[in-house]
Protein backbone atom coordinates (compact mmCIF):
# COMPACT_ATOMS: atom_id res chain seq x y z
CA UNK A 1 0.00 0.00 0.00
CA UNK A 2 1.36 3.38 -1.01
CA UNK A 3 0.74 6.32 1.34
CA UNK A 4 1.40 9.90 0.31
CA UNK A 5 2.58 12.04 3.24
CA UNK A 6 2.71 15.82 3.32
CA UNK A 7 4.94 17.71 5.77
CA UNK A 8 3.42 21.12 6.31
CA UNK A 9 5.87 24.01 6.39
CA UNK A 10 3.55 26.91 7.07
CA UNK A 11 3.08 29.42 9.85
CA UNK A 12 -0.05 29.48 11.98
CA UNK A 13 -2.05 32.61 12.66
CA UNK A 14 -0.16 33.26 15.89
CA UNK A 15 -2.20 33.30 19.09
CA UNK A 16 -5.40 32.88 17.09
CA UNK A 17 -6.80 29.38 17.45
CA UNK A 18 -9.91 29.99 15.35
CA UNK A 19 -8.02 31.43 12.37
CA UNK A 20 -5.31 28.76 12.63
CA UNK A 21 -7.91 25.99 12.49
CA UNK A 22 -9.38 27.69 9.41
CA UNK A 23 -5.89 27.71 7.90
CA UNK A 24 -5.52 23.99 8.72
CA UNK A 25 -8.79 23.40 6.90
CA UNK A 26 -7.52 25.17 3.76
CA UNK A 27 -4.13 23.43 3.87
CA UNK A 28 -5.79 20.04 4.34
CA UNK A 29 -8.20 20.65 1.47
CA UNK A 30 -5.35 21.69 -0.83
CA UNK A 31 -3.10 18.74 -0.04
CA UNK A 32 -5.92 16.17 0.06
CA UNK A 33 -6.75 17.27 -3.51
CA UNK A 34 -3.11 16.49 -4.38
CA UNK A 35 -3.54 12.96 -3.01
CA UNK A 36 -2.01 13.29 0.45
CA UNK A 37 -3.25 10.59 2.83
CA UNK A 38 -1.44 11.99 5.87
CA UNK A 39 -0.50 15.56 6.77
CA UNK A 40 1.98 16.35 9.54
CA UNK A 41 1.92 19.86 11.02
CA UNK A 42 4.71 21.51 13.08
CA UNK A 43 5.15 21.56 16.84
CA UNK A 44 2.60 23.77 18.61
CA UNK A 45 1.00 24.86 15.33
CA UNK A 46 -2.02 25.80 17.45
CA UNK A 47 -1.63 28.57 18.71
CA UNK A 48 1.98 28.88 17.45
CA UNK A 49 5.40 27.90 18.78
CA UNK A 50 6.38 30.80 21.07
CA UNK A 51 9.96 31.13 19.76
CA UNK A 52 11.61 34.18 21.24
CA UNK A 53 8.77 34.97 23.65
CA UNK A 54 9.63 35.44 27.33
CA UNK A 55 6.11 36.24 28.49
CA UNK A 56 7.80 38.89 30.63
CA UNK A 57 9.40 36.28 32.89
CA UNK A 58 12.71 36.66 34.64
CA UNK A 59 13.79 34.78 37.72
CA UNK A 60 11.55 35.91 40.55
CA UNK A 61 9.13 38.05 38.57
CA UNK A 62 6.85 38.43 35.58
CA UNK A 63 5.78 41.71 33.97
CA UNK A 64 2.13 42.67 33.66
CA UNK A 65 2.50 42.84 29.87
CA UNK A 66 3.98 39.32 29.92
CA UNK A 67 1.11 38.02 32.06
CA UNK A 68 -1.42 39.40 29.56
CA UNK A 69 0.44 37.88 26.62
CA UNK A 70 0.60 34.50 28.39
CA UNK A 71 -3.14 34.72 29.15
CA UNK A 72 -3.79 35.31 25.43
CA UNK A 73 -1.59 32.31 24.55
CA UNK A 74 -3.39 30.19 27.15
CA UNK A 75 -6.84 31.18 25.87
CA UNK A 76 -5.83 30.25 22.32
CA UNK A 77 -4.45 26.85 23.32
CA UNK A 78 -6.53 23.77 22.56
CA UNK A 79 -8.58 21.71 24.97
CA UNK A 80 -9.09 18.18 23.61
CA UNK A 81 -12.55 18.13 25.23
CA UNK A 82 -13.66 21.13 23.15
CA UNK A 83 -15.50 21.83 19.94
CA UNK A 84 -12.09 22.75 18.48
CA UNK A 85 -11.12 19.07 18.44
CA UNK A 86 -14.45 18.17 16.84
CA UNK A 87 -13.74 20.72 14.10
CA UNK A 88 -10.31 19.17 13.45
CA UNK A 89 -11.90 15.70 13.33
CA UNK A 90 -14.46 17.01 10.82
CA UNK A 91 -11.66 18.47 8.66
CA UNK A 92 -9.92 15.08 8.67
CA UNK A 93 -13.14 13.20 7.85
CA UNK A 94 -14.31 15.61 5.13
CA UNK A 95 -10.92 15.42 3.37
CA UNK A 96 -10.33 11.68 4.06
CA UNK A 97 -6.89 12.60 5.38
CA UNK A 98 -5.06 11.60 8.55
CA UNK A 99 -3.74 14.58 10.50
CA UNK A 100 -0.89 14.87 12.97
CA UNK A 101 -1.07 18.34 14.47
CA UNK A 102 1.19 19.97 17.03
CA UNK A 103 -0.84 21.89 19.59
CA UNK A 104 -0.41 23.57 22.91
CA UNK A 105 -2.92 21.56 24.91
CA UNK A 106 -4.81 22.93 27.92
CA UNK A 107 -5.46 20.57 30.81
CA UNK A 108 -8.73 21.37 32.62
CA UNK A 109 -7.74 19.68 35.86
CA UNK A 110 -4.32 21.23 36.51
CA UNK A 111 -4.59 24.30 34.29
CA UNK A 112 -1.22 23.31 32.81
CA UNK A 113 -0.25 23.62 29.17
CA UNK A 114 1.44 20.77 27.34
CA UNK A 115 3.30 20.66 24.03
CA UNK A 116 1.29 17.87 22.41
CA UNK A 117 0.76 16.06 19.11
CA UNK A 118 -2.78 15.05 18.15
CA UNK A 119 -3.24 12.00 15.92
CA UNK A 120 -6.54 12.26 14.03
CA UNK A 121 -8.10 9.63 11.76
CA UNK A 122 -10.69 10.41 9.09
CA UNK A 123 -12.67 7.33 10.17
CA UNK A 124 -12.09 7.17 13.95
CA UNK A 125 -11.46 10.77 15.02
CA UNK A 126 -8.84 11.34 17.71
CA UNK A 127 -6.59 8.28 17.86
CA UNK A 128 -4.39 9.65 20.62
CA UNK A 129 -2.45 12.50 22.10
CA UNK A 130 1.28 12.51 22.80
CA UNK A 131 2.55 15.06 25.32
CA UNK A 132 6.18 16.18 25.18
CA UNK A 133 7.75 14.55 28.23
CA UNK A 134 10.55 17.01 28.90
CA UNK A 135 10.21 20.56 27.58
CA UNK A 136 13.70 21.98 27.26
CA UNK A 137 15.17 25.05 28.94
CA UNK A 138 12.89 28.05 28.84
CA UNK A 139 10.09 26.03 27.19
CA UNK A 140 9.28 25.13 30.80
CA UNK A 141 7.97 28.68 31.30
CA UNK A 142 5.11 27.65 28.98
CA UNK A 143 4.74 23.87 29.04
CA UNK A 144 4.49 21.36 31.88
CA UNK A 145 6.32 18.01 31.86
CA UNK A 146 4.30 14.94 30.95
CA UNK A 147 4.62 11.65 32.79
CA UNK A 148 4.97 9.42 29.74
CA UNK A 149 1.49 7.87 29.87
CA UNK A 150 0.93 9.02 26.30
CA UNK A 151 3.80 6.91 24.98
CA UNK A 152 2.06 4.07 23.15
CA UNK A 153 2.83 1.93 20.13
C-alpha atoms as a PDB file:
ATOM      1  CA  UNK A   1       0.000   0.000   0.000  1.00  0.00           C
ATOM      2  CA  UNK A   2       1.359   3.384  -1.012  1.00  0.00           C
ATOM      3  CA  UNK A   3       0.742   6.317   1.342  1.00  0.00           C
ATOM      4  CA  UNK A   4       1.400   9.895   0.306  1.00  0.00           C
ATOM      5  CA  UNK A   5       2.579  12.040   3.235  1.00  0.00           C
ATOM      6  CA  UNK A   6       2.707  15.821   3.317  1.00  0.00           C
ATOM      7  CA  UNK A   7       4.940  17.706   5.766  1.00  0.00           C
ATOM      8  CA  UNK A   8       3.419  21.119   6.314  1.00  0.00           C
ATOM      9  CA  UNK A   9       5.867  24.015   6.393  1.00  0.00           C
ATOM     10  CA  UNK A  10       3.547  26.908   7.071  1.00  0.00           C
ATOM     11  CA  UNK A  11       3.078  29.421   9.849  1.00  0.00           C
ATOM     12  CA  UNK A  12      -0.049  29.482  11.983  1.00  0.00           C
ATOM     13  CA  UNK A  13      -2.046  32.614  12.660  1.00  0.00           C
ATOM     14  CA  UNK A  14      -0.160  33.264  15.887  1.00  0.00           C
ATOM     15  CA  UNK A  15      -2.196  33.302  19.094  1.00  0.00           C
ATOM     16  CA  UNK A  16      -5.398  32.884  17.090  1.00  0.00           C
ATOM     17  CA  UNK A  17      -6.795  29.378  17.450  1.00  0.00           C
ATOM     18  CA  UNK A  18      -9.907  29.991  15.347  1.00  0.00           C
ATOM     19  CA  UNK A  19      -8.022  31.429  12.369  1.00  0.00           C
ATOM     20  CA  UNK A  20      -5.311  28.762  12.627  1.00  0.00           C
ATOM     21  CA  UNK A  21      -7.912  25.990  12.494  1.00  0.00           C
ATOM     22  CA  UNK A  22      -9.377  27.688   9.405  1.00  0.00           C
ATOM     23  CA  UNK A  23      -5.891  27.711   7.895  1.00  0.00           C
ATOM     24  CA  UNK A  24      -5.519  23.991   8.724  1.00  0.00           C
ATOM     25  CA  UNK A  25      -8.792  23.401   6.899  1.00  0.00           C
ATOM     26  CA  UNK A  26      -7.523  25.175   3.762  1.00  0.00           C
ATOM     27  CA  UNK A  27      -4.134  23.432   3.866  1.00  0.00           C
ATOM     28  CA  UNK A  28      -5.788  20.040   4.339  1.00  0.00           C
ATOM     29  CA  UNK A  29      -8.198  20.647   1.470  1.00  0.00           C
ATOM     30  CA  UNK A  30      -5.352  21.691  -0.827  1.00  0.00           C
ATOM     31  CA  UNK A  31      -3.102  18.737  -0.039  1.00  0.00           C
ATOM     32  CA  UNK A  32      -5.917  16.170   0.056  1.00  0.00           C
ATOM     33  CA  UNK A  33      -6.747  17.270  -3.510  1.00  0.00           C
ATOM     34  CA  UNK A  34      -3.112  16.487  -4.385  1.00  0.00           C
ATOM     35  CA  UNK A  35      -3.543  12.960  -3.014  1.00  0.00           C
ATOM     36  CA  UNK A  36      -2.005  13.292   0.451  1.00  0.00           C
ATOM     37  CA  UNK A  37      -3.253  10.592   2.826  1.00  0.00           C
ATOM     38  CA  UNK A  38      -1.438  11.988   5.870  1.00  0.00           C
ATOM     39  CA  UNK A  39      -0.501  15.564   6.770  1.00  0.00           C
ATOM     40  CA  UNK A  40       1.979  16.353   9.536  1.00  0.00           C
ATOM     41  CA  UNK A  41       1.923  19.860  11.021  1.00  0.00           C
ATOM     42  CA  UNK A  42       4.714  21.514  13.077  1.00  0.00           C
ATOM     43  CA  UNK A  43       5.148  21.555  16.838  1.00  0.00           C
ATOM     44  CA  UNK A  44       2.605  23.774  18.609  1.00  0.00           C
ATOM     45  CA  UNK A  45       1.004  24.860  15.333  1.00  0.00           C
ATOM     46  CA  UNK A  46      -2.020  25.799  17.449  1.00  0.00           C
ATOM     47  CA  UNK A  47      -1.626  28.569  18.708  1.00  0.00           C
ATOM     48  CA  UNK A  48       1.979  28.878  17.454  1.00  0.00           C
ATOM     49  CA  UNK A  49       5.405  27.903  18.779  1.00  0.00           C
ATOM     50  CA  UNK A  50       6.384  30.798  21.075  1.00  0.00           C
ATOM     51  CA  UNK A  51       9.958  31.125  19.757  1.00  0.00           C
ATOM     52  CA  UNK A  52      11.614  34.185  21.238  1.00  0.00           C
ATOM     53  CA  UNK A  53       8.771  34.967  23.653  1.00  0.00           C
ATOM     54  CA  UNK A  54       9.626  35.439  27.328  1.00  0.00           C
ATOM     55  CA  UNK A  55       6.105  36.244  28.487  1.00  0.00           C
ATOM     56  CA  UNK A  56       7.797  38.894  30.633  1.00  0.00           C
ATOM     57  CA  UNK A  57       9.399  36.277  32.887  1.00  0.00           C
ATOM     58  CA  UNK A  58      12.713  36.658  34.636  1.00  0.00           C
ATOM     59  CA  UNK A  59      13.792  34.776  37.717  1.00  0.00           C
ATOM     60  CA  UNK A  60      11.555  35.907  40.549  1.00  0.00           C
ATOM     61  CA  UNK A  61       9.129  38.054  38.565  1.00  0.00           C
ATOM     62  CA  UNK A  62       6.848  38.433  35.575  1.00  0.00           C
ATOM     63  CA  UNK A  63       5.782  41.708  33.972  1.00  0.00           C
ATOM     64  CA  UNK A  64       2.127  42.669  33.663  1.00  0.00           C
ATOM     65  CA  UNK A  65       2.504  42.841  29.869  1.00  0.00           C
ATOM     66  CA  UNK A  66       3.979  39.318  29.920  1.00  0.00           C
ATOM     67  CA  UNK A  67       1.110  38.023  32.059  1.00  0.00           C
ATOM     68  CA  UNK A  68      -1.417  39.402  29.564  1.00  0.00           C
ATOM     69  CA  UNK A  69       0.437  37.877  26.619  1.00  0.00           C
ATOM     70  CA  UNK A  70       0.602  34.500  28.395  1.00  0.00           C
ATOM     71  CA  UNK A  71      -3.143  34.720  29.148  1.00  0.00           C
ATOM     72  CA  UNK A  72      -3.790  35.307  25.432  1.00  0.00           C
ATOM     73  CA  UNK A  73      -1.591  32.311  24.551  1.00  0.00           C
ATOM     74  CA  UNK A  74      -3.385  30.191  27.150  1.00  0.00           C
ATOM     75  CA  UNK A  75      -6.841  31.182  25.870  1.00  0.00           C
ATOM     76  CA  UNK A  76      -5.831  30.249  22.317  1.00  0.00           C
ATOM     77  CA  UNK A  77      -4.454  26.854  23.318  1.00  0.00           C
ATOM     78  CA  UNK A  78      -6.525  23.765  22.556  1.00  0.00           C
ATOM     79  CA  UNK A  79      -8.580  21.712  24.971  1.00  0.00           C
ATOM     80  CA  UNK A  80      -9.088  18.183  23.606  1.00  0.00           C
ATOM     81  CA  UNK A  81     -12.553  18.128  25.226  1.00  0.00           C
ATOM     82  CA  UNK A  82     -13.663  21.127  23.148  1.00  0.00           C
ATOM     83  CA  UNK A  83     -15.503  21.831  19.937  1.00  0.00           C
ATOM     84  CA  UNK A  84     -12.092  22.755  18.479  1.00  0.00           C
ATOM     85  CA  UNK A  85     -11.120  19.075  18.438  1.00  0.00           C
ATOM     86  CA  UNK A  86     -14.454  18.168  16.842  1.00  0.00           C
ATOM     87  CA  UNK A  87     -13.740  20.716  14.100  1.00  0.00           C
ATOM     88  CA  UNK A  88     -10.309  19.169  13.450  1.00  0.00           C
ATOM     89  CA  UNK A  89     -11.905  15.703  13.333  1.00  0.00           C
ATOM     90  CA  UNK A  90     -14.456  17.010  10.820  1.00  0.00           C
ATOM     91  CA  UNK A  91     -11.659  18.468   8.662  1.00  0.00           C
ATOM     92  CA  UNK A  92      -9.921  15.083   8.673  1.00  0.00           C
ATOM     93  CA  UNK A  93     -13.138  13.200   7.847  1.00  0.00           C
ATOM     94  CA  UNK A  94     -14.306  15.614   5.133  1.00  0.00           C
ATOM     95  CA  UNK A  95     -10.921  15.416   3.369  1.00  0.00           C
ATOM     96  CA  UNK A  96     -10.328  11.683   4.055  1.00  0.00           C
ATOM     97  CA  UNK A  97      -6.889  12.603   5.382  1.00  0.00           C
ATOM     98  CA  UNK A  98      -5.056  11.597   8.554  1.00  0.00           C
ATOM     99  CA  UNK A  99      -3.743  14.581  10.496  1.00  0.00           C
ATOM    100  CA  UNK A 100      -0.891  14.869  12.973  1.00  0.00           C
ATOM    101  CA  UNK A 101      -1.075  18.343  14.469  1.00  0.00           C
ATOM    102  CA  UNK A 102       1.195  19.965  17.032  1.00  0.00           C
ATOM    103  CA  UNK A 103      -0.837  21.892  19.595  1.00  0.00           C
ATOM    104  CA  UNK A 104      -0.415  23.571  22.911  1.00  0.00           C
ATOM    105  CA  UNK A 105      -2.923  21.562  24.909  1.00  0.00           C
ATOM    106  CA  UNK A 106      -4.806  22.932  27.923  1.00  0.00           C
ATOM    107  CA  UNK A 107      -5.463  20.568  30.814  1.00  0.00           C
ATOM    108  CA  UNK A 108      -8.735  21.372  32.616  1.00  0.00           C
ATOM    109  CA  UNK A 109      -7.740  19.676  35.862  1.00  0.00           C
ATOM    110  CA  UNK A 110      -4.325  21.229  36.513  1.00  0.00           C
ATOM    111  CA  UNK A 111      -4.586  24.297  34.287  1.00  0.00           C
ATOM    112  CA  UNK A 112      -1.219  23.306  32.807  1.00  0.00           C
ATOM    113  CA  UNK A 113      -0.249  23.622  29.171  1.00  0.00           C
ATOM    114  CA  UNK A 114       1.442  20.769  27.344  1.00  0.00           C
ATOM    115  CA  UNK A 115       3.298  20.659  24.033  1.00  0.00           C
ATOM    116  CA  UNK A 116       1.288  17.865  22.409  1.00  0.00           C
ATOM    117  CA  UNK A 117       0.755  16.060  19.114  1.00  0.00           C
ATOM    118  CA  UNK A 118      -2.781  15.051  18.149  1.00  0.00           C
ATOM    119  CA  UNK A 119      -3.242  12.000  15.915  1.00  0.00           C
ATOM    120  CA  UNK A 120      -6.544  12.260  14.030  1.00  0.00           C
ATOM    121  CA  UNK A 121      -8.098   9.631  11.762  1.00  0.00           C
ATOM    122  CA  UNK A 122     -10.692  10.411   9.086  1.00  0.00           C
ATOM    123  CA  UNK A 123     -12.669   7.333  10.173  1.00  0.00           C
ATOM    124  CA  UNK A 124     -12.086   7.167  13.946  1.00  0.00           C
ATOM    125  CA  UNK A 125     -11.456  10.769  15.016  1.00  0.00           C
ATOM    126  CA  UNK A 126      -8.837  11.338  17.707  1.00  0.00           C
ATOM    127  CA  UNK A 127      -6.588   8.278  17.862  1.00  0.00           C
ATOM    128  CA  UNK A 128      -4.395   9.645  20.624  1.00  0.00           C
ATOM    129  CA  UNK A 129      -2.446  12.504  22.103  1.00  0.00           C
ATOM    130  CA  UNK A 130       1.281  12.508  22.801  1.00  0.00           C
ATOM    131  CA  UNK A 131       2.551  15.061  25.316  1.00  0.00           C
ATOM    132  CA  UNK A 132       6.182  16.178  25.185  1.00  0.00           C
ATOM    133  CA  UNK A 133       7.746  14.547  28.232  1.00  0.00           C
ATOM    134  CA  UNK A 134      10.548  17.007  28.904  1.00  0.00           C
ATOM    135  CA  UNK A 135      10.213  20.560  27.582  1.00  0.00           C
ATOM    136  CA  UNK A 136      13.701  21.985  27.258  1.00  0.00           C
ATOM    137  CA  UNK A 137      15.171  25.047  28.939  1.00  0.00           C
ATOM    138  CA  UNK A 138      12.890  28.049  28.844  1.00  0.00           C
ATOM    139  CA  UNK A 139      10.093  26.030  27.190  1.00  0.00           C
ATOM    140  CA  UNK A 140       9.277  25.132  30.804  1.00  0.00           C
ATOM    141  CA  UNK A 141       7.969  28.682  31.299  1.00  0.00           C
ATOM    142  CA  UNK A 142       5.110  27.654  28.980  1.00  0.00           C
ATOM    143  CA  UNK A 143       4.741  23.866  29.041  1.00  0.00           C
ATOM    144  CA  UNK A 144       4.493  21.360  31.884  1.00  0.00           C
ATOM    145  CA  UNK A 145       6.320  18.014  31.864  1.00  0.00           C
ATOM    146  CA  UNK A 146       4.298  14.940  30.949  1.00  0.00           C
ATOM    147  CA  UNK A 147       4.619  11.646  32.788  1.00  0.00           C
ATOM    148  CA  UNK A 148       4.966   9.415  29.741  1.00  0.00           C
ATOM    149  CA  UNK A 149       1.485   7.868  29.871  1.00  0.00           C
ATOM    150  CA  UNK A 150       0.926   9.016  26.304  1.00  0.00           C
ATOM    151  CA  UNK A 151       3.799   6.908  24.978  1.00  0.00           C
ATOM    152  CA  UNK A 152       2.057   4.068  23.147  1.00  0.00           C
ATOM    153  CA  UNK A 153       2.833   1.933  20.134  1.00  0.00           C
END
